[in-house]
Amino acid sequence: MASEGNMDSANQTYSGFVSLVKWGTIATVILTAIVVLLISG
């Protein structure tokens, strides 16, 4: 079993990764919408 210090570090890393994926997804959706509007215009 991992020690408590390792779990804290792992949870912090995972939290950062999830946040990065969330903001990356939002940015991708916005950029996709802009490209679609530019192409259709």
C-alpha atoms as a PDB file:
ATOM      1  CA  MET A   1       0.000   0.000   0.000  1.00  0.00           C
ATOM      2  CA  ALA A   2       1.204   3.521  -0.752  1.00  0.00           C
ATOM      3  CA  SER A   3       2.204   5.750   2.112  1.00  0.00           C
ATOM      4  CA  GLU A   4       0.080   8.745   3.054  1.00  0.00           C
ATOM      5  CA  GLY A   5       2.616  11.179   1.572  1.00  0.00           C
ATOM      6  CA  ASN A   6       2.557   9.350  -1.739  1.00  0.00           C
ATOM      7  CA  MET A   7      -1.239   9.367  -1.788  1.00  0.00           C
ATOM      8  CA  ASP A   8      -1.337  13.123  -1.159  1.00  0.00           C
ATOM      9  CA  SER A   9       1.095  13.653  -4.026  1.00  0.00           C
ATOM     10  CA  ALA A  10      -0.858  11.321  -6.299  1.00  0.00           C
ATOM     11  CA  ASN A  11      -4.160  13.030  -5.490  1.00  0.00           C
ATOM     12  CA  GLN A  12      -2.646  16.440  -6.201  1.00  0.00           C
ATOM     13  CA  THR A  13      -1.237  15.233  -9.523  1.00  0.00           C
ATOM     14  CA  TYR A  14      -4.558  13.630 -10.487  1.00  0.00           C
ATOM     15  CA  SER A  15      -6.459  16.785  -9.563  1.00  0.00           C
ATOM     16  CA  GLY A  16      -4.166  18.860 -11.766  1.00  0.00           C
ATOM     17  CA  PHE A  17      -4.572  16.402 -14.636  1.00  0.00           C
ATOM     18  CA  VAL A  18      -8.369  16.434 -14.387  1.00  0.00           C
ATOM     19  CA  SER A  19      -8.355  20.238 -14.315  1.00  0.00           C
ATOM     20  CA  LEU A  20      -6.113  20.347 -17.394  1.00  0.00           C
ATOM     21  CA  VAL A  21      -8.394  17.946 -19.275  1.00  0.00           C
ATOM     22  CA  LYS A  22     -11.475  19.976 -18.289  1.00  0.00           C
ATOM     23  CA  TRP A  23     -10.052  23.290 -19.500  1.00  0.00           C
ATOM     24  CA  GLY A  24      -8.593  21.636 -22.601  1.00  0.00           C
ATOM     25  CA  THR A  25     -12.010  20.263 -23.491  1.00  0.00           C
ATOM     26  CA  ILE A  26     -13.654  23.659 -23.002  1.00  0.00           C
ATOM     27  CA  ALA A  27     -10.998  25.355 -25.163  1.00  0.00           C
ATOM     28  CA  THR A  28     -11.406  22.718 -27.883  1.00  0.00           C
ATOM     29  CA  VAL A  29     -15.188  23.174 -27.972  1.00  0.00           C
ATOM     30  CA  ILE A  30     -14.821  26.963 -28.240  1.00  0.00           C
ATOM     31  CA  LEU A  31     -12.194  26.741 -30.986  1.00  0.00           C
ATOM     32  CA  THR A  32     -14.276  24.189 -32.882  1.00  0.00           C
ATOM     33  CA  ALA A  33     -17.321  26.479 -32.730  1.00  0.00           C
ATOM     34  CA  ILE A  34     -15.251  29.404 -34.037  1.00  0.00           C
ATOM     35  CA  VAL A  35     -13.865  27.331 -36.925  1.00  0.00           C
ATOM     36  CA  VAL A  36     -17.337  26.063 -37.847  1.00  0.00           C
ATOM     37  CA  LEU A  37     -18.689  29.631 -37.837  1.00  0.00           C
ATOM     38  CA  LEU A  38     -15.785  30.833 -39.998  1.00  0.00           C
ATOM     39  CA  ILE A  39     -16.248  28.017 -42.500  1.00  0.00           C
ATOM     40  CA  SER A  40     -20.019  28.445 -42.726  1.00  0.00           C
ATOM     41  CA  GLY A  41     -19.780  32.229 -43.049  1.00  0.00           C
END
